[in-house]
Amino acid sequence: YMKLLIGLFSILFIGNIHAKTIARVLDIQGNAFLFSSEEKAKELSYGEKITDLSEVMVEDGSTLSLVNTQGHVIHVNGGSLVKFYNGSTELKNGYVWVNVKNSTSRGQLNTTNSIANYSSGQFIYSFDNQTGKTQLLVLTGDVSLSNALEPSLKVDVAAGNFTLVEQKYN
């Protein structure tokens, strides 16, 4: 009886170890790679799953379009690195173009020094890991941006406006 109980527990535990799918590849032009703890680095292709606790790197001159579980489309440009963990998306270097249409759920994207919250529209979000500078250009809709050190102090950035987060500026 005890062996059966241990076996059942082991099966349930191992089943929960696998990271859940948080995005899928919509389009890819060039080369992009997925790095995860579950498997070796692999080249991405159309329809591939992006799992939680993984990183995506897009080669210079390439582009990658992802759709997350909320239906938000994230276009990742060449030379960019994006990390997915615990339901969060972090831009570690480069830039992304986020396009949200007809979504009822809010999204969040962050860099080392900023947090962007959004619900609809389009915006370009960039981070330079050499200088530590985050930039946000809102094309349509509104994005709420805050410094990662003070997440409660938010600035609403409306369509057509640009802002940045950099250590030199308050």
Protein backbone atom coordinates (compact mmCIF):
# COMPACT_ATOMS: atom_id res chain seq x y z
CA TYR A 1 0.00 0.00 0.00
CA MET A 2 2.83 2.42 0.90
CA LYS A 3 4.65 1.71 -2.41
CA LEU A 4 1.47 2.48 -4.33
CA LEU A 5 1.04 5.75 -2.45
CA ILE A 6 4.68 6.76 -3.07
CA GLY A 7 4.35 5.84 -6.77
CA LEU A 8 1.18 7.92 -7.15
CA PHE A 9 2.78 10.89 -5.39
CA SER A 10 5.84 10.62 -7.65
CA ILE A 11 3.72 10.64 -10.81
CA LEU A 12 1.77 13.68 -9.64
CA PHE A 13 4.93 15.53 -8.60
CA ILE A 14 6.75 14.81 -11.88
CA GLY A 15 3.68 15.91 -13.86
CA ASN A 16 3.75 19.28 -12.11
CA ILE A 17 7.46 19.87 -12.73
CA HIS A 18 6.97 20.52 -16.44
CA ALA A 19 6.69 24.24 -17.10
CA LYS A 20 3.42 25.42 -18.55
CA THR A 21 3.09 26.96 -22.00
CA ILE A 22 2.82 30.74 -21.80
CA ALA A 23 3.23 31.72 -25.47
CA ARG A 24 3.41 30.34 -29.00
CA VAL A 25 5.40 31.38 -32.06
CA LEU A 26 3.17 33.19 -34.58
CA ASP A 27 5.83 34.11 -37.11
CA ILE A 28 9.59 33.96 -37.48
CA GLN A 29 11.87 35.59 -40.00
CA GLY A 30 15.47 34.45 -39.56
CA ASN A 31 16.70 32.67 -36.45
CA ALA A 32 15.49 32.65 -32.85
CA PHE A 33 16.42 30.29 -30.05
CA LEU A 34 14.74 28.98 -26.92
CA PHE A 35 16.75 28.31 -23.76
CA SER A 36 15.01 26.42 -20.98
CA SER A 37 15.92 24.22 -18.06
CA GLU A 38 13.86 21.36 -19.51
CA GLU A 39 15.92 20.86 -22.66
CA LYS A 40 18.95 21.99 -24.62
CA ALA A 41 18.89 25.23 -26.57
CA LYS A 42 16.77 24.82 -29.67
CA GLU A 43 15.92 26.83 -32.74
CA LEU A 44 12.34 28.08 -32.80
CA SER A 45 9.88 27.53 -35.62
CA TYR A 46 6.24 28.39 -36.35
CA GLY A 47 3.80 27.09 -33.72
CA GLU A 48 6.46 26.19 -31.13
CA LYS A 49 5.54 26.50 -27.48
CA ILE A 50 7.35 28.93 -25.21
CA THR A 51 7.32 27.61 -21.67
CA ASP A 52 7.53 29.41 -18.39
CA LEU A 53 11.06 29.65 -16.95
CA SER A 54 12.67 30.03 -20.37
CA GLU A 55 14.50 32.66 -22.41
CA VAL A 56 14.14 33.58 -26.08
CA MET A 57 17.00 35.11 -28.03
CA VAL A 58 16.50 36.58 -31.50
CA GLU A 59 19.50 36.75 -33.81
CA ASP A 60 20.55 40.11 -35.30
CA GLY A 61 18.55 40.83 -38.46
CA SER A 62 15.76 38.42 -37.46
CA THR A 63 12.26 38.96 -36.06
CA LEU A 64 9.99 36.78 -33.96
CA SER A 65 6.27 37.21 -33.22
CA LEU A 66 4.74 35.52 -30.17
CA VAL A 67 1.21 35.39 -28.82
CA ASN A 68 0.83 34.86 -25.08
CA THR A 69 -2.01 33.11 -23.27
CA GLN A 70 -3.84 36.45 -22.90
CA GLY A 71 -3.86 36.97 -26.69
CA HIS A 72 -1.28 39.78 -26.60
CA VAL A 73 1.12 39.75 -29.57
CA ILE A 74 4.77 40.51 -28.84
CA HIS A 75 7.09 41.17 -31.77
CA VAL A 76 10.71 40.64 -30.72
CA ASN A 77 13.36 42.33 -32.85
CA GLY A 78 16.83 41.02 -33.72
CA GLY A 79 19.47 41.25 -31.03
CA SER A 80 16.86 40.98 -28.27
CA LEU A 81 16.65 38.68 -25.27
CA VAL A 82 13.35 38.05 -23.47
CA LYS A 83 12.90 36.00 -20.30
CA PHE A 84 9.65 34.37 -19.14
CA TYR A 85 9.26 33.43 -15.48
CA ASN A 86 6.34 32.95 -13.12
CA GLY A 87 3.94 34.48 -15.63
CA SER A 88 6.07 37.61 -16.06
CA THR A 89 7.84 38.72 -19.21
CA GLU A 90 11.16 40.55 -18.87
CA LEU A 91 12.96 42.30 -21.68
CA LYS A 92 16.62 41.72 -20.83
CA ASN A 93 18.05 43.49 -23.90
CA GLY A 94 16.85 44.93 -27.19
CA TYR A 95 13.32 45.95 -28.00
CA VAL A 96 9.82 44.60 -28.50
CA TRP A 97 6.68 45.91 -30.14
CA VAL A 98 3.55 44.91 -28.22
CA ASN A 99 0.20 44.84 -30.00
CA VAL A 100 -2.98 44.23 -27.98
CA LYS A 101 -6.38 44.11 -29.68
CA ASN A 102 -9.71 43.33 -28.05
CA SER A 103 -8.24 41.91 -24.87
CA THR A 104 -10.02 41.98 -21.54
CA SER A 105 -6.91 41.17 -19.53
CA ARG A 106 -4.09 43.47 -18.52
CA GLY A 107 -0.52 42.65 -19.38
CA GLN A 108 2.80 43.42 -17.78
CA LEU A 109 6.25 43.66 -19.28
CA ASN A 110 9.31 44.67 -17.33
CA THR A 111 13.01 45.41 -17.61
CA THR A 112 15.63 45.46 -14.88
CA ASN A 113 14.64 48.99 -13.90
CA SER A 114 11.01 49.43 -15.04
CA ILE A 115 7.53 47.90 -15.10
CA ALA A 116 5.05 48.56 -17.93
CA ASN A 117 1.36 47.72 -17.38
CA TYR A 118 -1.02 47.82 -20.34
CA SER A 119 -4.47 46.69 -21.44
CA SER A 120 -4.81 47.68 -25.10
CA GLY A 121 -3.05 49.43 -27.94
CA GLN A 122 0.47 49.28 -29.31
CA PHE A 123 3.80 50.34 -27.89
CA ILE A 124 7.53 49.89 -28.38
CA TYR A 125 9.54 49.04 -25.28
CA SER A 126 13.33 48.91 -25.29
CA PHE A 127 16.11 48.20 -22.83
CA ASP A 128 19.85 48.64 -23.25
CA ASN A 129 21.63 46.42 -20.74
CA GLN A 130 24.91 48.30 -21.28
CA THR A 131 23.56 51.69 -20.16
CA GLY A 132 20.60 50.48 -18.08
CA LYS A 133 18.22 52.73 -20.01
CA THR A 134 14.60 51.77 -20.68
CA GLN A 135 12.56 53.62 -23.29
CA LEU A 136 8.83 53.49 -23.99
CA LEU A 137 7.02 54.87 -27.05
CA VAL A 138 3.24 54.49 -26.98
CA LEU A 139 1.69 54.35 -30.45
CA THR A 140 -1.95 53.76 -29.47
CA GLY A 141 -3.67 53.22 -26.14
CA ASP A 142 -2.17 53.93 -22.73
CA VAL A 143 0.69 52.31 -20.84
CA SER A 144 1.41 52.79 -17.16
CA LEU A 145 5.16 52.89 -16.49
CA SER A 146 6.95 52.81 -13.16
CA ASN A 147 10.47 52.49 -11.89
CA ALA A 148 11.09 48.95 -10.59
CA LEU A 149 12.32 50.42 -7.28
CA GLU A 150 9.06 52.37 -6.79
CA PRO A 151 6.30 50.35 -8.50
CA SER A 152 3.51 52.34 -6.84
CA LEU A 153 4.72 55.59 -8.44
CA LYS A 154 3.31 55.18 -11.95
CA VAL A 155 3.25 57.51 -14.93
CA ASP A 156 0.49 57.03 -17.49
CA VAL A 157 1.94 57.44 -20.97
CA ALA A 158 -0.69 58.27 -23.60
CA ALA A 159 -0.61 57.57 -27.33
CA GLY A 160 2.01 59.59 -29.19
CA ASN A 161 4.20 60.10 -26.13
CA PHE A 162 7.65 58.85 -25.18
CA THR A 163 9.37 58.40 -21.83
CA LEU A 164 12.42 56.74 -20.34
CA VAL A 165 13.76 55.28 -17.12
CA GLU A 166 17.42 55.89 -16.49
CA GLN A 167 19.47 56.12 -13.34
CA LYS A 168 20.67 59.65 -14.22
CA TYR A 169 17.11 61.03 -14.23
CA ASN A 170 14.42 61.13 -11.56
